[in-house]
Amino acid sequence: MHSYAVFFLVTFAIGGVIWVFVYPIISGERHAERRMATVAQPRPLAPRTPARTGLKSRREQLEITLKEIEQRQKTAKRRPLAVRIAQAGLTWSKRRFIVTASALGIGAFFLPMLMGAGLLPALCFAFAAGLGLPFWMLSFLKNRREARFLNDFPDAVDVIVRGIKAGLPLLDSFKLIAADAEEPLRSEFRAIIETQTIGIPLGDACLKLHERMPLPEANFFGIVISVQQRAGGNLSEALGNLSRVLRDRKRMKAKIQAMSMEGKASAAIIGSLPIAVMGLVYFTSPAYIQLLWTEPLGRVMLACCLIWMTIGVFVMRKMINFDF
């Protein structure tokens, strides 16, 4: 009698799920509701405004352009290894990086084998140390270098604007930044001056800044300089607008970081709590928790918990890392 009741409840639940989710698609009800919604939806008439009132200010156009450049960068293809090493601020060659990563992988493979951990853990450690750790370090150094560049870049643009208004040539303003600014801003502007010295136009030399510093701000700076060198225009006004937009973006990022710190702290506590409890239980009563890796059912449960914890960490990371 108990098995009949369970079979009836399971069948009823499956039928309810099919009725709720599958039947509207098969019967066409959802498509009909969508068509009725499009027909019955009221559409307000757009007010007629003169053409000049619809024009946006230069600052708003600059913000929109920066957002478009940033979106194109996110969808761009992955850059070669040599370019990524240069973007991280390292002077290593591609061969040296590959040899160092291979040495780390080989060392991480033989160390667990000598400790008797087994072949599978040794392969996992070798994969993490040979492929995961070097590329993670590249990404970390690149992000840190970009953050330092963005921190000082608005001040550098202000120095250029003041120099232009004071009557200095644009190249002399670059030399001031290359002599007095902090790294990595100093080395990047020194590279622009060196590139221009060998005969490349100043606008093209500024456009190459984006290759070493893949940021929308650096790309737009190069575009502004290049357009002004070719077509002319008020460079001080364009760079002044760029400086204000950069400071607004920096202020907004700081505000977002302050607002998300509570969520990041909660995510760190929630993510580390199971590991901390597991460690405490292991130190207090090892025989109680050793069943998780000595018994087959315990290994399955441990693997399932690891998968669910990983999914939860990624979900929490997606929730607390947001952009503007």
Protein backbone atom coordinates (compact mmCIF):
# COMPACT_ATOMS: atom_id res chain seq x y z
CA MET A 1 0.00 0.00 0.00
CA HIS A 2 2.89 2.36 0.80
CA SER A 3 4.54 1.78 -2.58
CA TYR A 4 1.22 2.49 -4.37
CA ALA A 5 0.89 5.80 -2.54
CA VAL A 6 4.46 6.81 -3.39
CA PHE A 7 3.92 5.86 -7.05
CA PHE A 8 0.70 7.92 -7.14
CA LEU A 9 2.36 10.98 -5.58
CA VAL A 10 5.35 10.81 -7.96
CA THR A 11 3.08 10.43 -10.98
CA PHE A 12 0.90 13.32 -9.82
CA ALA A 13 3.97 15.54 -9.32
CA ILE A 14 5.40 14.73 -12.76
CA GLY A 15 2.02 15.36 -14.36
CA GLY A 16 1.74 18.71 -12.59
CA VAL A 17 5.17 19.79 -13.79
CA ILE A 18 4.33 18.80 -17.35
CA TRP A 19 0.98 20.62 -17.14
CA VAL A 20 2.59 23.82 -15.84
CA PHE A 21 5.67 24.02 -18.05
CA VAL A 22 5.17 21.84 -21.13
CA TYR A 23 1.43 22.15 -21.93
CA PRO A 24 1.47 25.95 -22.58
CA ILE A 25 4.26 25.47 -25.14
CA ILE A 26 2.56 22.57 -26.94
CA SER A 27 -0.92 24.07 -26.97
CA GLY A 28 0.24 27.47 -28.18
CA GLU A 29 -1.22 29.38 -25.23
CA ARG A 30 2.06 31.15 -24.48
CA HIS A 31 2.44 32.25 -28.09
CA ALA A 32 -1.15 33.53 -28.15
CA GLU A 33 -0.63 35.45 -24.90
CA ARG A 34 2.53 37.00 -26.30
CA ARG A 35 0.70 38.13 -29.44
CA MET A 36 -2.18 39.57 -27.43
CA ALA A 37 0.27 41.44 -25.20
CA THR A 38 1.99 43.02 -28.19
CA VAL A 39 -1.33 44.08 -29.68
CA ALA A 40 -2.86 45.39 -26.48
CA GLN A 41 0.25 47.11 -25.16
CA PRO A 42 -0.22 50.88 -25.17
CA ARG A 43 2.59 52.74 -26.87
CA PRO A 44 2.94 56.40 -25.95
CA LEU A 45 3.65 58.78 -28.73
CA ALA A 46 7.14 60.20 -28.77
CA PRO A 47 7.06 63.93 -28.13
CA ARG A 48 8.23 66.09 -30.96
CA THR A 49 11.34 67.93 -30.00
CA PRO A 50 13.59 70.04 -32.12
CA ALA A 51 16.67 68.39 -33.52
CA ARG A 52 19.04 70.49 -31.46
CA THR A 53 17.43 69.57 -28.13
CA GLY A 54 18.06 65.88 -28.83
CA LEU A 55 21.76 66.44 -29.20
CA LYS A 56 23.83 65.21 -26.30
CA SER A 57 26.63 67.06 -24.69
CA ARG A 58 30.19 66.11 -25.42
CA ARG A 59 30.58 64.65 -21.98
CA GLU A 60 27.61 62.31 -22.44
CA GLN A 61 28.89 61.28 -25.87
CA LEU A 62 32.26 60.54 -24.27
CA GLU A 63 30.67 58.33 -21.62
CA ILE A 64 28.68 56.40 -24.25
CA THR A 65 31.79 55.90 -26.37
CA LEU A 66 33.75 54.61 -23.40
CA LYS A 67 31.01 52.10 -22.63
CA GLU A 68 30.99 50.89 -26.24
CA ILE A 69 34.77 50.47 -26.23
CA GLU A 70 34.57 48.56 -22.96
CA GLN A 71 31.92 46.21 -24.36
CA ARG A 72 34.05 45.55 -27.44
CA GLN A 73 37.01 44.72 -25.23
CA LYS A 74 35.00 42.18 -23.26
CA THR A 75 33.97 40.37 -26.45
CA ALA A 76 37.45 40.58 -28.03
CA LYS A 77 39.55 37.49 -28.67
CA ARG A 78 42.15 36.29 -26.20
CA ARG A 79 45.50 37.99 -26.70
CA PRO A 80 48.75 36.06 -27.36
CA LEU A 81 50.96 35.01 -24.49
CA ALA A 82 53.75 37.49 -25.28
CA VAL A 83 51.26 40.38 -25.24
CA ARG A 84 49.78 39.22 -21.92
CA ILE A 85 53.25 39.03 -20.37
CA ALA A 86 53.95 42.61 -21.49
CA GLN A 87 50.58 43.79 -20.18
CA ALA A 88 51.45 42.30 -16.78
CA GLY A 89 54.54 44.51 -16.67
CA LEU A 90 57.04 41.62 -16.87
CA THR A 91 60.17 41.66 -18.99
CA TRP A 92 60.15 37.88 -19.42
CA SER A 93 60.28 36.23 -22.80
CA LYS A 94 57.69 33.68 -23.87
CA ARG A 95 60.24 30.88 -23.60
CA ARG A 96 61.19 31.82 -20.05
CA PHE A 97 57.54 31.88 -18.98
CA ILE A 98 56.87 28.44 -20.48
CA VAL A 99 60.02 26.96 -18.88
CA THR A 100 59.07 28.41 -15.47
CA ALA A 101 55.51 27.06 -15.72
CA SER A 102 56.82 23.63 -16.78
CA ALA A 103 59.24 23.55 -13.85
CA LEU A 104 56.44 24.41 -11.42
CA GLY A 105 54.23 21.69 -12.90
CA ILE A 106 56.98 19.04 -12.72
CA GLY A 107 57.85 20.00 -9.15
CA ALA A 108 54.18 19.92 -8.11
CA PHE A 109 53.85 16.46 -9.69
CA PHE A 110 56.82 14.80 -8.03
CA LEU A 111 56.27 16.28 -4.56
CA PRO A 112 52.92 14.50 -3.89
CA MET A 113 54.32 11.33 -5.47
CA LEU A 114 57.24 11.34 -3.05
CA MET A 115 54.81 11.91 -0.18
CA GLY A 116 52.73 8.91 -1.29
CA ALA A 117 49.58 10.81 -2.21
CA GLY A 118 48.96 8.84 -5.42
CA LEU A 119 48.87 9.51 -9.14
CA LEU A 120 45.55 11.39 -9.37
CA PRO A 121 46.35 14.01 -6.67
CA ALA A 122 49.81 14.47 -8.20
CA LEU A 123 48.27 15.14 -11.63
CA CYS A 124 45.82 17.62 -10.10
CA PHE A 125 48.63 19.48 -8.30
CA ALA A 126 50.75 19.50 -11.47
CA PHE A 127 47.87 20.91 -13.53
CA ALA A 128 47.17 23.61 -10.94
CA ALA A 129 50.82 24.62 -10.55
CA GLY A 130 51.79 24.35 -14.22
CA LEU A 131 48.76 25.95 -15.88
CA GLY A 132 46.60 27.55 -13.21
CA LEU A 133 49.14 29.38 -11.04
CA PRO A 134 51.24 31.09 -13.77
CA PHE A 135 48.25 32.39 -15.72
CA TRP A 136 46.54 33.45 -12.51
CA MET A 137 49.65 35.44 -11.61
CA LEU A 138 49.62 37.04 -15.07
CA SER A 139 46.00 38.05 -14.61
CA PHE A 140 46.66 39.34 -11.08
CA LEU A 141 49.68 41.43 -12.13
CA LYS A 142 47.81 42.78 -15.15
CA ASN A 143 44.79 43.85 -13.09
CA ARG A 144 47.01 45.44 -10.43
CA ARG A 145 48.96 47.34 -13.07
CA GLU A 146 45.77 48.56 -14.74
CA ALA A 147 44.38 49.70 -11.38
CA ARG A 148 47.53 51.74 -10.69
CA PHE A 149 47.37 53.22 -14.17
CA LEU A 150 43.72 54.26 -13.77
CA ASN A 151 44.45 55.73 -10.34
CA ASP A 152 46.99 58.22 -11.76
CA PHE A 153 45.71 58.65 -15.31
CA PRO A 154 43.20 61.49 -14.59
CA ASP A 155 45.97 63.54 -12.94
CA ALA A 156 48.19 62.97 -15.96
CA VAL A 157 45.44 64.15 -18.31
CA ASP A 158 45.01 67.27 -16.16
CA VAL A 159 48.76 67.95 -16.43
CA ILE A 160 48.49 67.69 -20.22
CA VAL A 161 45.49 70.05 -20.28
CA ARG A 162 47.30 72.64 -18.12
CA GLY A 163 50.41 72.36 -20.27
CA ILE A 164 48.43 72.92 -23.47
CA LYS A 165 46.63 75.91 -21.98
CA ALA A 166 49.98 77.31 -20.84
CA GLY A 167 51.36 77.08 -24.38
CA LEU A 168 53.54 73.96 -24.07
CA PRO A 169 53.69 71.56 -27.01
CA LEU A 170 51.91 68.24 -26.51
CA LEU A 171 55.14 66.23 -26.61
CA ASP A 172 56.69 68.38 -23.86
CA SER A 173 53.66 67.69 -21.66
CA PHE A 174 54.23 63.98 -22.24
CA LYS A 175 57.86 64.41 -21.20
CA LEU A 176 56.78 65.99 -17.92
CA ILE A 177 54.64 62.95 -17.13
CA ALA A 178 57.39 60.55 -18.19
CA ALA A 179 59.80 62.31 -15.83
CA ASP A 180 57.65 62.88 -12.72
CA ALA A 181 54.75 60.38 -12.74
CA GLU A 182 54.58 57.09 -10.87
CA GLU A 183 54.78 53.65 -12.42
CA PRO A 184 53.27 52.31 -14.67
CA LEU A 185 52.22 55.71 -16.00
CA ARG A 186 55.81 56.87 -16.36
CA SER A 187 56.94 53.87 -18.41
CA GLU A 188 53.87 54.01 -20.68
CA PHE A 189 54.38 57.69 -21.56
CA ARG A 190 58.10 57.08 -21.97
CA ALA A 191 57.21 54.34 -24.48
CA ILE A 192 55.00 56.85 -26.36
CA ILE A 193 57.90 59.33 -26.55
CA GLU A 194 60.34 56.63 -27.70
CA THR A 195 57.88 55.42 -30.34
CA GLN A 196 57.44 58.96 -31.63
CA THR A 197 61.20 59.51 -31.66
CA ILE A 198 61.79 56.75 -34.24
CA GLY A 199 59.50 58.46 -36.75
CA ILE A 200 55.98 57.27 -35.92
CA PRO A 201 53.41 60.12 -35.69
CA LEU A 202 52.37 61.12 -32.20
CA GLY A 203 48.74 60.11 -32.78
CA ASP A 204 49.72 56.60 -33.86
CA ALA A 205 52.14 56.35 -30.91
CA CYS A 206 49.26 57.21 -28.54
CA LEU A 207 47.06 54.60 -30.19
CA LYS A 208 49.67 51.95 -29.36
CA LEU A 209 49.08 52.70 -25.68
CA HIS A 210 45.98 50.51 -25.82
CA GLU A 211 48.08 47.51 -26.90
CA ARG A 212 50.13 47.67 -23.70
CA MET A 213 47.29 48.88 -21.47
CA PRO A 214 43.99 47.33 -22.70
CA LEU A 215 41.61 49.81 -21.09
CA PRO A 216 38.81 51.85 -22.70
CA GLU A 217 40.24 55.00 -21.12
CA ALA A 218 43.66 54.46 -22.74
CA ASN A 219 42.00 53.63 -26.07
CA PHE A 220 39.89 56.78 -26.04
CA PHE A 221 42.91 58.88 -25.05
CA GLY A 222 44.75 57.59 -28.11
CA ILE A 223 41.72 58.23 -30.32
CA VAL A 224 41.39 61.84 -29.09
CA ILE A 225 45.09 62.58 -29.70
CA SER A 226 45.07 60.88 -33.11
CA VAL A 227 41.94 62.72 -34.32
CA GLN A 228 43.31 66.06 -33.12
CA GLN A 229 46.66 65.46 -34.85
CA ARG A 230 44.92 64.71 -38.16
CA ALA A 231 41.87 66.98 -38.17
CA GLY A 232 42.64 69.63 -35.57
CA GLY A 233 40.26 70.87 -32.89
CA ASN A 234 40.21 72.01 -29.30
CA LEU A 235 42.40 69.37 -27.66
CA SER A 236 42.31 70.92 -24.18
CA GLU A 237 38.49 70.82 -24.08
CA ALA A 238 38.36 67.18 -25.25
CA LEU A 239 40.98 66.08 -22.74
CA GLY A 240 39.26 68.10 -20.00
CA ASN A 241 36.01 66.22 -20.67
CA LEU A 242 37.95 62.96 -20.65
CA SER A 243 39.51 63.82 -17.28
CA ARG A 244 36.12 64.60 -15.72
CA VAL A 245 34.65 61.35 -17.04
CA LEU A 246 37.61 59.38 -15.70
CA ARG A 247 37.19 60.92 -12.25
CA ASP A 248 33.45 60.20 -12.27
CA ARG A 249 34.10 56.57 -13.24
CA LYS A 250 36.73 56.26 -10.51
CA ARG A 251 34.31 57.71 -7.95
CA MET A 252 31.55 55.35 -9.08
CA LYS A 253 33.83 52.30 -8.87
CA ALA A 254 34.84 53.25 -5.33
CA LYS A 255 31.18 53.66 -4.37
CA ILE A 256 30.29 50.25 -5.86
CA GLN A 257 33.21 48.65 -4.01
CA ALA A 258 32.07 50.17 -0.72
CA MET A 259 28.48 49.02 -1.27
CA SER A 260 29.51 45.46 -2.16
CA MET A 261 31.93 44.92 0.75
CA GLU A 262 29.16 43.64 3.02
CA GLY A 263 28.13 41.05 0.43
CA LYS A 264 31.76 40.02 -0.14
CA ALA A 265 32.29 39.57 3.60
CA SER A 266 29.12 37.46 3.87
CA ALA A 267 30.15 35.35 0.89
CA ALA A 268 33.62 34.77 2.40
CA ILE A 269 32.10 33.68 5.73
CA ILE A 270 29.54 31.39 4.09
CA GLY A 271 32.13 29.87 1.76
CA SER A 272 34.71 29.20 4.48
CA LEU A 273 32.28 27.99 7.17
CA PRO A 274 31.93 24.34 5.94
CA ILE A 275 35.72 24.00 5.60
CA ALA A 276 36.26 25.48 9.06
CA VAL A 277 33.65 23.19 10.64
CA MET A 278 35.17 20.18 8.86
CA GLY A 279 38.62 21.07 10.21
CA LEU A 280 37.33 21.51 13.75
CA VAL A 281 35.49 18.18 13.65
CA TYR A 282 38.62 16.48 12.29
CA PHE A 283 40.76 17.82 15.13
CA THR A 284 38.23 16.94 17.85
CA SER A 285 37.05 13.54 16.61
CA PRO A 286 38.94 12.27 13.56
CA ALA A 287 37.24 8.85 13.49
CA TYR A 288 33.85 10.51 13.12
CA ILE A 289 34.65 12.43 9.95
CA GLN A 290 37.13 10.01 8.35
CA LEU A 291 34.19 8.06 6.97
CA LEU A 292 33.85 10.76 4.31
CA TRP A 293 37.05 9.63 2.54
CA THR A 294 37.40 6.03 3.74
CA GLU A 295 33.95 4.76 2.72
CA PRO A 296 32.63 4.75 -0.89
CA LEU A 297 29.36 6.44 0.09
CA GLY A 298 31.31 9.08 2.00
CA ARG A 299 33.45 9.87 -1.06
CA VAL A 300 30.31 10.30 -3.15
CA MET A 301 28.81 12.61 -0.54
CA LEU A 302 32.07 14.59 -0.32
CA ALA A 303 32.20 14.98 -4.11
CA CYS A 304 28.57 16.12 -4.23
CA CYS A 305 29.19 18.64 -1.44
CA LEU A 306 32.25 19.95 -3.27
CA ILE A 307 30.27 20.40 -6.48
CA TRP A 308 27.43 22.20 -4.72
CA MET A 309 29.84 24.40 -2.78
CA THR A 310 31.61 25.34 -6.01
CA ILE A 311 28.30 26.23 -7.66
CA GLY A 312 27.32 28.30 -4.62
CA VAL A 313 30.63 30.17 -4.61
CA PHE A 314 30.27 31.03 -8.31
CA VAL A 315 26.67 32.17 -7.78
CA MET A 316 27.66 34.39 -4.85
CA ARG A 317 30.58 35.78 -6.87
CA LYS A 318 28.21 36.63 -9.70
CA MET A 319 25.85 38.37 -7.29
CA ILE A 320 28.44 40.56 -5.57
CA ASN A 321 30.63 41.45 -8.60
CA PHE A 322 28.59 43.95 -10.54
CA ASP A 323 29.56 46.84 -12.78
CA PHE A 324 27.96 50.13 -13.70
